[in-house]
Every structure is written in C-alpha cells, then in structure tokens.
C-alpha cells in the first residue's frame, strides 16, 4: 500500500501536513516553531505488516490524541523484535529509536548491577546500542516477577505519530469493522495478530490441550464491543467476560485462530497455543 494515502491533511493541532515524494521515499512534515519536524518513510509499505504493527500499538501503545511520541512496550522480546523489523522496513532508522526499561520491585532503589544487567540484556536482545537504553526505572510492586523487566521503545517524532496514529489507525479501524475487500481482510487478520501479541492469553487444561483464549480490554472504553465485532468478522464467536478479559472457547474458534496464525508475533504464546491445539482431541 502507499502510505501517503493515509496522511491526514492537518495535524490534531490544526497545522497543515506536507508530503514530498522522492523516488520511493516520502518526507512528511509540518511546521514547528519556525522549523520542520519531518519523518522519512518508504512510500510503499507491506499492508499485512503495517496492520500487525497497528494492532499491537492499539493494544499496547498510547493512542491518546495529544501524544507526540510513538511508543510500544512489552516484556516479550520476540514481539518487540518483530515490531522493530516492521519499523525498519518502513524506513525508520535504528539510530532514531530509544528504549526505557521498567522493572517492578518492592525495593526503593535499583542497584547499579541490576541496572547494568537490564541495559546489557535489552541492548543485546534488541540490537540497540547501550546509549540508546536511556533509563531503567522502578515500578513499585510487592514482588519481582520478571527477571529483565519490560522494555518501552519510543520514537520522538510528531510527524510519524500524525501519520500512524491519526492517519492509518482510524482508517484501519473503519476497514476491520466492516470488511468488504480482500485488503480489508488482510488488515483485519493482521490487526488481530497484533492485538493478540499485546493483549492475548492462552490457557491450557491439565492435559495440556487448549482451554480458552482471552483478550484483555480497557473496561472504561468501548473496546469490548470492538473486539466482539472484529472477531465476528472472521467467524469467531466470543464467550463471556470477566473483569477486563473477553474469553473465547471451542475448537471451531481455535481452528479459525490457527488458520490466521493468531500468535505469530509472540513466540511464547505461539508455542503454548500450538501445543494446546495439537493436544486438543478435536483438532
């Protein structure tokens, strides 16, 4: 797809957005304090990959209208690596990215050896320079459940946020709510894979067969109705909800998830799903 098709005419603050096409690359910018905050992207972007990134961002990122930075967070390295590779294919330079590490702990102060452990780990896993790991911060918790915490990757570029969050995202949401073309179905499947990487969960029985799949949602929003709608658009019939989780049961639903490779982006959940699906007596 041509990403310039989705660039909004104006920013959320009413500033005109401009786009310059130069031999397969596009420059997107708007005036900021007498200068220009621009982003250089590939004009042609893989539709499936972009929809996966958008689905993950919708589930795990910040979609508030006033944000000025593109941020994605997770504790699963495979998901972040997958998203980084999409950004690189879009033309984002690795050097423009930064990373924060968040560690949940009851301790009041993080020791230097712990900070170094996190910095070394995420730098190596994400193939970023250590200077790009800009901070390791503490999140108050009664326990330390994750050895290396979670990583937040961010790109401080307003033009990129305008393009993806205020341009691509609302267009993709319209497509998956009422898919009519084959392109809409590609977007829908990719969006669901991204959403499952951010908010999905796999539960197995005592015999290690699939018990249920769940998707977490914001209970203070209309997300649950969106989830029900887009799931029904691929033939999945979701069950009930509890707290902030929507549950999906049944082999027919599991088969549909298997067909679209729902947990493609998340290695740990994909392995668990495949194991449970293989052991399911009706699969």
C-alpha atoms as a PDB file:
ATOM      1  CA  UNK A   1       0.000   0.000   0.000  1.00  0.00           C
ATOM      2  CA  UNK A   2       1.001   3.617  -0.470  1.00  0.00           C
ATOM      3  CA  UNK A   3       1.257   5.099   2.991  1.00  0.00           C
ATOM      4  CA  UNK A   4       0.863   8.648   1.682  1.00  0.00           C
ATOM      5  CA  UNK A   5      -2.791   7.798   1.013  1.00  0.00           C
ATOM      6  CA  UNK A   6      -3.402   7.814   4.790  1.00  0.00           C
ATOM      7  CA  UNK A   7      -1.555  11.010   5.725  1.00  0.00           C
ATOM      8  CA  UNK A   8      -4.059  13.455   7.254  1.00  0.00           C
ATOM      9  CA  UNK A   9      -4.286  16.941   5.759  1.00  0.00           C
ATOM     10  CA  UNK A  10      -3.864  18.559   9.158  1.00  0.00           C
ATOM     11  CA  UNK A  11      -2.368  17.618  12.496  1.00  0.00           C
ATOM     12  CA  UNK A  12      -4.592  17.270  15.546  1.00  0.00           C
ATOM     13  CA  UNK A  13      -3.481  20.808  16.437  1.00  0.00           C
ATOM     14  CA  UNK A  14      -4.678  22.199  13.101  1.00  0.00           C
ATOM     15  CA  UNK A  15      -1.289  22.525  11.413  1.00  0.00           C
ATOM     16  CA  UNK A  16      -1.020  21.665   7.703  1.00  0.00           C
ATOM     17  CA  UNK A  17       0.823  18.424   6.963  1.00  0.00           C
ATOM     18  CA  UNK A  18       3.005  18.253   3.874  1.00  0.00           C
ATOM     19  CA  UNK A  19       4.308  15.280   1.911  1.00  0.00           C
ATOM     20  CA  UNK A  20       7.132  15.166  -0.618  1.00  0.00           C
ATOM     21  CA  UNK A  21       7.640  12.079  -2.796  1.00  0.00           C
ATOM     22  CA  UNK A  22      11.272  11.468  -3.783  1.00  0.00           C
ATOM     23  CA  UNK A  23      11.966   8.244  -5.667  1.00  0.00           C
ATOM     24  CA  UNK A  24      10.224   5.720  -3.455  1.00  0.00           C
ATOM     25  CA  UNK A  25      10.768   7.646  -0.224  1.00  0.00           C
ATOM     26  CA  UNK A  26       8.392  10.213   1.211  1.00  0.00           C
ATOM     27  CA  UNK A  27       9.103  13.082   3.568  1.00  0.00           C
ATOM     28  CA  UNK A  28       6.250  14.053   5.881  1.00  0.00           C
ATOM     29  CA  UNK A  29       6.379  17.202   7.989  1.00  0.00           C
ATOM     30  CA  UNK A  30       4.613  20.177   9.468  1.00  0.00           C
ATOM     31  CA  UNK A  31       5.979  23.457  10.781  1.00  0.00           C
ATOM     32  CA  UNK A  32       7.108  23.526  14.405  1.00  0.00           C
ATOM     33  CA  UNK A  33       8.281  26.841  15.869  1.00  0.00           C
ATOM     34  CA  UNK A  34       9.655  28.094  12.578  1.00  0.00           C
ATOM     35  CA  UNK A  35      11.319  24.765  11.725  1.00  0.00           C
ATOM     36  CA  UNK A  36      10.103  21.436  10.391  1.00  0.00           C
ATOM     37  CA  UNK A  37       9.596  18.175  12.247  1.00  0.00           C
ATOM     38  CA  UNK A  38       9.855  15.620   9.427  1.00  0.00           C
ATOM     39  CA  UNK A  39       9.992  11.859   9.041  1.00  0.00           C
ATOM     40  CA  UNK A  40      11.379   9.926   6.084  1.00  0.00           C
ATOM     41  CA  UNK A  41       9.492   6.721   5.226  1.00  0.00           C
ATOM     42  CA  UNK A  42       9.262   4.221   2.418  1.00  0.00           C
ATOM     43  CA  UNK A  43       6.282   5.133   0.259  1.00  0.00           C
ATOM     44  CA  UNK A  44       5.276   1.515  -0.325  1.00  0.00           C
ATOM     45  CA  UNK A  45       4.631  -0.436   2.870  1.00  0.00           C
ATOM     46  CA  UNK A  46       3.577  -4.074   3.264  1.00  0.00           C
ATOM     47  CA  UNK A  47      -0.118  -3.944   4.199  1.00  0.00           C
ATOM     48  CA  UNK A  48      -0.077  -7.057   6.364  1.00  0.00           C
ATOM     49  CA  UNK A  49       2.976  -5.976   8.371  1.00  0.00           C
ATOM     50  CA  UNK A  50       1.626  -2.482   8.903  1.00  0.00           C
ATOM     51  CA  UNK A  51      -1.714  -3.843  10.129  1.00  0.00           C
ATOM     52  CA  UNK A  52       0.122  -6.095  12.605  1.00  0.00           C
ATOM     53  CA  UNK A  53       2.062  -3.124  13.948  1.00  0.00           C
ATOM     54  CA  UNK A  54      -1.111  -1.032  14.214  1.00  0.00           C
ATOM     55  CA  UNK A  55      -2.963  -3.849  16.008  1.00  0.00           C
ATOM     56  CA  UNK A  56      -0.154  -4.226  18.513  1.00  0.00           C
ATOM     57  CA  UNK A  57       0.079  -0.481  19.018  1.00  0.00           C
ATOM     58  CA  UNK A  58      -3.668  -0.258  19.578  1.00  0.00           C
ATOM     59  CA  UNK A  59      -3.422  -2.898  22.299  1.00  0.00           C
ATOM     60  CA  UNK A  60      -0.121  -1.953  23.907  1.00  0.00           C
ATOM     61  CA  UNK A  61       0.628   1.646  22.962  1.00  0.00           C
ATOM     62  CA  UNK A  62      -0.784   5.040  23.769  1.00  0.00           C
ATOM     63  CA  UNK A  63      -3.489   6.182  21.360  1.00  0.00           C
ATOM     64  CA  UNK A  64      -4.471   9.376  23.198  1.00  0.00           C
ATOM     65  CA  UNK A  65      -4.982  12.239  20.778  1.00  0.00           C
ATOM     66  CA  UNK A  66      -2.363  14.504  22.360  1.00  0.00           C
ATOM     67  CA  UNK A  67       0.645  12.170  22.252  1.00  0.00           C
ATOM     68  CA  UNK A  68       3.787  13.370  20.474  1.00  0.00           C
ATOM     69  CA  UNK A  69       5.858  10.181  20.704  1.00  0.00           C
ATOM     70  CA  UNK A  70       5.334   6.726  19.195  1.00  0.00           C
ATOM     71  CA  UNK A  71       5.796   4.149  21.968  1.00  0.00           C
ATOM     72  CA  UNK A  72       5.427   0.381  22.235  1.00  0.00           C
ATOM     73  CA  UNK A  73       6.060  -1.681  25.372  1.00  0.00           C
ATOM     74  CA  UNK A  74       6.295  -5.355  26.226  1.00  0.00           C
ATOM     75  CA  UNK A  75       8.232  -7.856  28.304  1.00  0.00           C
ATOM     76  CA  UNK A  76       8.372 -10.424  25.473  1.00  0.00           C
ATOM     77  CA  UNK A  77      11.499  -9.830  23.321  1.00  0.00           C
ATOM     78  CA  UNK A  78      10.102 -11.612  20.241  1.00  0.00           C
ATOM     79  CA  UNK A  79       7.219  -9.134  19.980  1.00  0.00           C
ATOM     80  CA  UNK A  80       9.442  -6.077  20.197  1.00  0.00           C
ATOM     81  CA  UNK A  81      11.922  -7.529  17.703  1.00  0.00           C
ATOM     82  CA  UNK A  82       9.047  -8.242  15.308  1.00  0.00           C
ATOM     83  CA  UNK A  83       7.761  -4.668  15.616  1.00  0.00           C
ATOM     84  CA  UNK A  84      11.248  -3.211  15.222  1.00  0.00           C
ATOM     85  CA  UNK A  85      11.725  -5.110  11.971  1.00  0.00           C
ATOM     86  CA  UNK A  86       8.467  -3.641  10.663  1.00  0.00           C
ATOM     87  CA  UNK A  87       9.629  -0.131  11.571  1.00  0.00           C
ATOM     88  CA  UNK A  88      12.930  -0.719   9.787  1.00  0.00           C
ATOM     89  CA  UNK A  89      11.108  -1.941   6.664  1.00  0.00           C
ATOM     90  CA  UNK A  90       9.067   1.251   6.772  1.00  0.00           C
ATOM     91  CA  UNK A  91      12.308   3.219   6.599  1.00  0.00           C
ATOM     92  CA  UNK A  92      12.767   4.129  10.253  1.00  0.00           C
ATOM     93  CA  UNK A  93      16.450   4.439  11.155  1.00  0.00           C
ATOM     94  CA  UNK A  94      17.562   2.350  14.122  1.00  0.00           C
ATOM     95  CA  UNK A  95      19.604   5.286  15.430  1.00  0.00           C
ATOM     96  CA  UNK A  96      16.449   7.378  15.956  1.00  0.00           C
ATOM     97  CA  UNK A  97      14.997   4.900  18.465  1.00  0.00           C
ATOM     98  CA  UNK A  98      15.355   4.960  22.241  1.00  0.00           C
ATOM     99  CA  UNK A  99      14.470   2.445  24.908  1.00  0.00           C
ATOM    100  CA  UNK A 100      13.385   2.596  28.537  1.00  0.00           C
ATOM    101  CA  UNK A 101      13.354  -0.399  30.863  1.00  0.00           C
ATOM    102  CA  UNK A 102      10.714  -0.706  33.573  1.00  0.00           C
ATOM    103  CA  UNK A 103      11.313  -3.093  36.468  1.00  0.00           C
ATOM    104  CA  UNK A 104       8.682  -3.960  39.071  1.00  0.00           C
ATOM    105  CA  UNK A 105      10.214  -4.385  42.514  1.00  0.00           C
ATOM    106  CA  UNK A 106       9.483  -3.716  46.199  1.00  0.00           C
ATOM    107  CA  UNK A 107      12.972  -2.235  46.601  1.00  0.00           C
ATOM    108  CA  UNK A 108      13.242   1.518  46.923  1.00  0.00           C
ATOM    109  CA  UNK A 109      16.496   1.801  44.972  1.00  0.00           C
ATOM    110  CA  UNK A 110      17.817  -0.125  41.981  1.00  0.00           C
ATOM    111  CA  UNK A 111      21.413  -1.235  42.417  1.00  0.00           C
ATOM    112  CA  UNK A 112      23.903  -0.462  39.652  1.00  0.00           C
ATOM    113  CA  UNK A 113      24.478  -4.155  38.959  1.00  0.00           C
ATOM    114  CA  UNK A 114      20.748  -4.586  38.318  1.00  0.00           C
ATOM    115  CA  UNK A 115      20.661  -1.538  36.042  1.00  0.00           C
ATOM    116  CA  UNK A 116      23.662  -2.884  34.131  1.00  0.00           C
ATOM    117  CA  UNK A 117      22.003  -6.293  33.838  1.00  0.00           C
ATOM    118  CA  UNK A 118      18.915  -4.750  32.246  1.00  0.00           C
ATOM    119  CA  UNK A 119      20.915  -2.476  29.978  1.00  0.00           C
ATOM    120  CA  UNK A 120      23.146  -5.289  28.736  1.00  0.00           C
ATOM    121  CA  UNK A 121      20.220  -7.651  28.190  1.00  0.00           C
ATOM    122  CA  UNK A 122      17.911  -5.369  26.233  1.00  0.00           C
ATOM    123  CA  UNK A 123      20.769  -3.848  24.259  1.00  0.00           C
ATOM    124  CA  UNK A 124      21.838  -7.326  23.148  1.00  0.00           C
ATOM    125  CA  UNK A 125      18.309  -8.674  22.537  1.00  0.00           C
ATOM    126  CA  UNK A 126      17.055  -5.651  20.585  1.00  0.00           C
ATOM    127  CA  UNK A 127      20.385  -4.977  18.832  1.00  0.00           C
ATOM    128  CA  UNK A 128      20.481  -1.417  20.119  1.00  0.00           C
ATOM    129  CA  UNK A 129      23.479   0.488  21.400  1.00  0.00           C
ATOM    130  CA  UNK A 130      23.733   0.771  25.164  1.00  0.00           C
ATOM    131  CA  UNK A 131      23.439   4.551  24.906  1.00  0.00           C
ATOM    132  CA  UNK A 132      20.014   4.026  23.365  1.00  0.00           C
ATOM    133  CA  UNK A 133      18.829   2.434  26.630  1.00  0.00           C
ATOM    134  CA  UNK A 134      18.170   5.846  28.113  1.00  0.00           C
ATOM    135  CA  UNK A 135      16.798   4.819  31.509  1.00  0.00           C
ATOM    136  CA  UNK A 136      15.984   1.969  33.860  1.00  0.00           C
ATOM    137  CA  UNK A 137      13.097   2.904  36.103  1.00  0.00           C
ATOM    138  CA  UNK A 138      11.462   1.253  39.070  1.00  0.00           C
ATOM    139  CA  UNK A 139       7.774   0.430  39.288  1.00  0.00           C
ATOM    140  CA  UNK A 140       6.544  -0.274  42.802  1.00  0.00           C
ATOM    141  CA  UNK A 141       5.398  -3.866  43.300  1.00  0.00           C
ATOM    142  CA  UNK A 142       5.190  -6.433  46.078  1.00  0.00           C
ATOM    143  CA  UNK A 143       7.164  -8.971  44.033  1.00  0.00           C
ATOM    144  CA  UNK A 144       9.785  -9.175  41.294  1.00  0.00           C
ATOM    145  CA  UNK A 145       8.076 -11.323  38.684  1.00  0.00           C
ATOM    146  CA  UNK A 146      10.217 -10.548  35.628  1.00  0.00           C
ATOM    147  CA  UNK A 147      13.955 -11.077  35.608  1.00  0.00           C
ATOM    148  CA  UNK A 148      14.620  -8.409  32.987  1.00  0.00           C
ATOM    149  CA  UNK A 149      11.541  -6.221  33.371  1.00  0.00           C
ATOM    150  CA  UNK A 150       9.804  -4.844  30.302  1.00  0.00           C
ATOM    151  CA  UNK A 151      11.097  -2.561  27.569  1.00  0.00           C
ATOM    152  CA  UNK A 152       9.478   0.524  26.085  1.00  0.00           C
ATOM    153  CA  UNK A 153      10.708   1.540  22.650  1.00  0.00           C
ATOM    154  CA  UNK A 154       9.917   5.053  21.535  1.00  0.00           C
ATOM    155  CA  UNK A 155      10.400   7.321  18.580  1.00  0.00           C
ATOM    156  CA  UNK A 156      10.074  11.034  19.297  1.00  0.00           C
ATOM    157  CA  UNK A 157       8.673  12.290  16.021  1.00  0.00           C
ATOM    158  CA  UNK A 158       5.376  14.152  15.773  1.00  0.00           C
ATOM    159  CA  UNK A 159       5.033  13.612  12.020  1.00  0.00           C
ATOM    160  CA  UNK A 160       5.270   9.850  12.459  1.00  0.00           C
ATOM    161  CA  UNK A 161       2.616   9.941  15.197  1.00  0.00           C
ATOM    162  CA  UNK A 162       0.314  12.015  12.996  1.00  0.00           C
ATOM    163  CA  UNK A 163       0.741   9.570  10.110  1.00  0.00           C
ATOM    164  CA  UNK A 164       0.183   6.338  12.022  1.00  0.00           C
ATOM    165  CA  UNK A 165      -1.987   7.244  14.999  1.00  0.00           C
ATOM    166  CA  UNK A 166      -4.143   9.939  13.418  1.00  0.00           C
ATOM    167  CA  UNK A 167      -3.994   8.721   9.821  1.00  0.00           C
ATOM    168  CA  UNK A 168      -3.502   4.961   9.412  1.00  0.00           C
ATOM    169  CA  UNK A 169      -5.137   3.775  12.659  1.00  0.00           C
ATOM    170  CA  UNK A 170      -8.620   5.309  12.209  1.00  0.00           C
ATOM    171  CA  UNK A 171      -8.706   4.182   8.564  1.00  0.00           C
ATOM    172  CA  UNK A 172      -7.760   0.636   9.540  1.00  0.00           C
ATOM    173  CA  UNK A 173     -10.385   0.595  12.305  1.00  0.00           C
ATOM    174  CA  UNK A 174     -13.049   1.522   9.753  1.00  0.00           C
ATOM    175  CA  UNK A 175     -11.836  -1.273   7.465  1.00  0.00           C
ATOM    176  CA  UNK A 176     -11.933  -4.031  10.093  1.00  0.00           C
ATOM    177  CA  UNK A 177     -15.328  -3.025  11.475  1.00  0.00           C
ATOM    178  CA  UNK A 178     -16.935  -3.566   8.074  1.00  0.00           C
ATOM    179  CA  UNK A 179     -14.555  -5.512   5.805  1.00  0.00           C
ATOM    180  CA  UNK A 180     -15.667  -5.611   2.164  1.00  0.00           C
ATOM    181  CA  UNK A 181     -12.492  -6.053   0.126  1.00  0.00           C
ATOM    182  CA  UNK A 182      -9.725  -8.621   0.310  1.00  0.00           C
ATOM    183  CA  UNK A 183      -7.449  -5.822   1.502  1.00  0.00           C
ATOM    184  CA  UNK A 184      -9.798  -5.242   4.443  1.00  0.00           C
ATOM    185  CA  UNK A 185      -9.490  -8.906   5.385  1.00  0.00           C
ATOM    186  CA  UNK A 186      -5.695  -8.669   5.288  1.00  0.00           C
ATOM    187  CA  UNK A 187      -5.880  -5.664   7.607  1.00  0.00           C
ATOM    188  CA  UNK A 188      -8.322  -7.478   9.911  1.00  0.00           C
ATOM    189  CA  UNK A 189      -6.172 -10.604  10.252  1.00  0.00           C
ATOM    190  CA  UNK A 190      -3.012  -8.575  10.806  1.00  0.00           C
ATOM    191  CA  UNK A 191      -4.693  -6.301  13.332  1.00  0.00           C
ATOM    192  CA  UNK A 192      -5.892  -9.319  15.327  1.00  0.00           C
ATOM    193  CA  UNK A 193      -2.380 -10.800  15.366  1.00  0.00           C
ATOM    194  CA  UNK A 194      -1.015  -7.534  16.716  1.00  0.00           C
ATOM    195  CA  UNK A 195      -3.801  -7.273  19.266  1.00  0.00           C
ATOM    196  CA  UNK A 196      -3.186 -10.847  20.433  1.00  0.00           C
ATOM    197  CA  UNK A 197       0.520 -10.105  20.860  1.00  0.00           C
ATOM    198  CA  UNK A 198      -0.369  -7.160  23.090  1.00  0.00           C
ATOM    199  CA  UNK A 199      -3.464  -8.339  24.953  1.00  0.00           C
ATOM    200  CA  UNK A 200      -3.870 -12.062  24.281  1.00  0.00           C
ATOM    201  CA  UNK A 201      -3.539 -15.009  26.634  1.00  0.00           C
ATOM    202  CA  UNK A 202      -3.590 -18.794  26.213  1.00  0.00           C
ATOM    203  CA  UNK A 203      -4.935 -21.183  28.839  1.00  0.00           C
ATOM    204  CA  UNK A 204      -4.451 -24.975  28.777  1.00  0.00           C
ATOM    205  CA  UNK A 205      -6.196 -27.809  30.566  1.00  0.00           C
ATOM    206  CA  UNK A 206      -4.429 -30.219  32.916  1.00  0.00           C
ATOM    207  CA  UNK A 207      -3.851 -32.450  29.884  1.00  0.00           C
ATOM    208  CA  UNK A 208      -2.208 -29.546  28.014  1.00  0.00           C
ATOM    209  CA  UNK A 209      -4.969 -29.053  25.457  1.00  0.00           C
ATOM    210  CA  UNK A 210      -6.482 -25.658  24.680  1.00  0.00           C
ATOM    211  CA  UNK A 211      -8.951 -24.457  27.264  1.00  0.00           C
ATOM    212  CA  UNK A 212      -9.548 -20.867  26.195  1.00  0.00           C
ATOM    213  CA  UNK A 213      -8.091 -17.780  24.564  1.00  0.00           C
ATOM    214  CA  UNK A 214      -8.637 -14.385  26.138  1.00  0.00           C
ATOM    215  CA  UNK A 215      -8.176 -10.774  25.115  1.00  0.00           C
ATOM    216  CA  UNK A 216      -7.750  -8.025  27.698  1.00  0.00           C
ATOM    217  CA  UNK A 217      -9.586  -4.766  27.145  1.00  0.00           C
ATOM    218  CA  UNK A 218      -9.958  -1.368  28.757  1.00  0.00           C
ATOM    219  CA  UNK A 219     -13.158  -1.612  30.829  1.00  0.00           C
ATOM    220  CA  UNK A 220     -13.521   2.180  30.745  1.00  0.00           C
ATOM    221  CA  UNK A 221     -13.814   2.242  26.958  1.00  0.00           C
ATOM    222  CA  UNK A 222     -15.841   0.639  24.165  1.00  0.00           C
ATOM    223  CA  UNK A 223     -13.041  -1.806  23.319  1.00  0.00           C
ATOM    224  CA  UNK A 224     -15.036  -4.930  24.215  1.00  0.00           C
ATOM    225  CA  UNK A 225     -17.661  -4.114  21.581  1.00  0.00           C
ATOM    226  CA  UNK A 226     -14.917  -3.504  19.024  1.00  0.00           C
ATOM    227  CA  UNK A 227     -13.334  -6.854  19.905  1.00  0.00           C
ATOM    228  CA  UNK A 228     -16.650  -8.674  19.564  1.00  0.00           C
ATOM    229  CA  UNK A 229     -17.293  -7.007  16.231  1.00  0.00           C
ATOM    230  CA  UNK A 230     -13.953  -7.775  14.620  1.00  0.00           C
ATOM    231  CA  UNK A 231     -13.899 -11.334  15.989  1.00  0.00           C
ATOM    232  CA  UNK A 232     -17.309 -11.959  14.453  1.00  0.00           C
ATOM    233  CA  UNK A 233     -15.943 -10.670  11.139  1.00  0.00           C
ATOM    234  CA  UNK A 234     -13.617 -13.694  10.948  1.00  0.00           C
ATOM    235  CA  UNK A 235     -16.335 -16.082  12.172  1.00  0.00           C
ATOM    236  CA  UNK A 236     -15.260 -16.296  15.812  1.00  0.00           C
ATOM    237  CA  UNK A 237     -17.997 -16.364  18.441  1.00  0.00           C
ATOM    238  CA  UNK A 238     -16.592 -14.963  21.700  1.00  0.00           C
ATOM    239  CA  UNK A 239     -17.942 -16.121  25.048  1.00  0.00           C
ATOM    240  CA  UNK A 240     -18.434 -14.162  28.229  1.00  0.00           C
ATOM    241  CA  UNK A 241     -16.193 -11.721  30.024  1.00  0.00           C
ATOM    242  CA  UNK A 242     -14.779 -11.428  33.495  1.00  0.00           C
ATOM    243  CA  UNK A 243     -13.104  -8.301  34.788  1.00  0.00           C
ATOM    244  CA  UNK A 244     -11.229  -6.881  31.820  1.00  0.00           C
ATOM    245  CA  UNK A 245     -10.927 -10.140  29.842  1.00  0.00           C
ATOM    246  CA  UNK A 246     -13.029 -11.407  26.953  1.00  0.00           C
ATOM    247  CA  UNK A 247     -12.967 -15.215  26.686  1.00  0.00           C
ATOM    248  CA  UNK A 248     -13.100 -17.370  23.551  1.00  0.00           C
ATOM    249  CA  UNK A 249     -13.802 -21.100  23.753  1.00  0.00           C
ATOM    250  CA  UNK A 250     -14.359 -24.004  21.379  1.00  0.00           C
ATOM    251  CA  UNK A 251     -12.462 -25.892  18.729  1.00  0.00           C
ATOM    252  CA  UNK A 252     -14.202 -24.102  15.847  1.00  0.00           C
ATOM    253  CA  UNK A 253     -12.897 -20.792  17.142  1.00  0.00           C
ATOM    254  CA  UNK A 254      -9.474 -22.302  17.828  1.00  0.00           C
ATOM    255  CA  UNK A 255      -9.324 -23.546  14.221  1.00  0.00           C
ATOM    256  CA  UNK A 256     -10.014 -20.056  12.912  1.00  0.00           C
ATOM    257  CA  UNK A 257      -7.271 -18.661  15.134  1.00  0.00           C
ATOM    258  CA  UNK A 258      -4.919 -21.373  13.905  1.00  0.00           C
ATOM    259  CA  UNK A 259      -5.747 -20.506  10.283  1.00  0.00           C
ATOM    260  CA  UNK A 260      -4.698 -16.867  10.722  1.00  0.00           C
ATOM    261  CA  UNK A 261      -1.698 -17.756  12.924  1.00  0.00           C
ATOM    262  CA  UNK A 262      -3.069 -15.568  15.731  1.00  0.00           C
ATOM    263  CA  UNK A 263       0.071 -15.618  17.898  1.00  0.00           C
ATOM    264  CA  UNK A 264       2.555 -15.238  15.042  1.00  0.00           C
ATOM    265  CA  UNK A 265       4.256 -12.249  16.679  1.00  0.00           C
ATOM    266  CA  UNK A 266       4.614 -13.692  20.210  1.00  0.00           C
ATOM    267  CA  UNK A 267       6.899 -16.740  20.401  1.00  0.00           C
ATOM    268  CA  UNK A 268       5.931 -17.818  23.924  1.00  0.00           C
ATOM    269  CA  UNK A 269       2.175 -17.673  23.300  1.00  0.00           C
ATOM    270  CA  UNK A 270       2.542 -19.212  19.848  1.00  0.00           C
ATOM    271  CA  UNK A 271       4.395 -22.200  21.307  1.00  0.00           C
ATOM    272  CA  UNK A 272       1.759 -22.620  24.028  1.00  0.00           C
ATOM    273  CA  UNK A 273      -1.120 -22.314  21.550  1.00  0.00           C
ATOM    274  CA  UNK A 274       0.427 -24.822  19.136  1.00  0.00           C
ATOM    275  CA  UNK A 275       0.984 -27.294  21.947  1.00  0.00           C
ATOM    276  CA  UNK A 276      -2.579 -26.955  23.178  1.00  0.00           C
ATOM    277  CA  UNK A 277      -4.027 -27.124  19.662  1.00  0.00           C
ATOM    278  CA  UNK A 278      -2.037 -30.255  18.854  1.00  0.00           C
ATOM    279  CA  UNK A 279      -3.230 -31.928  22.054  1.00  0.00           C
ATOM    280  CA  UNK A 280      -6.859 -30.965  21.578  1.00  0.00           C
ATOM    281  CA  UNK A 281      -8.842 -34.126  20.864  1.00  0.00           C
ATOM    282  CA  UNK A 282     -10.922 -32.482  18.119  1.00  0.00           C
ATOM    283  CA  UNK A 283      -8.138 -30.667  16.306  1.00  0.00           C
END
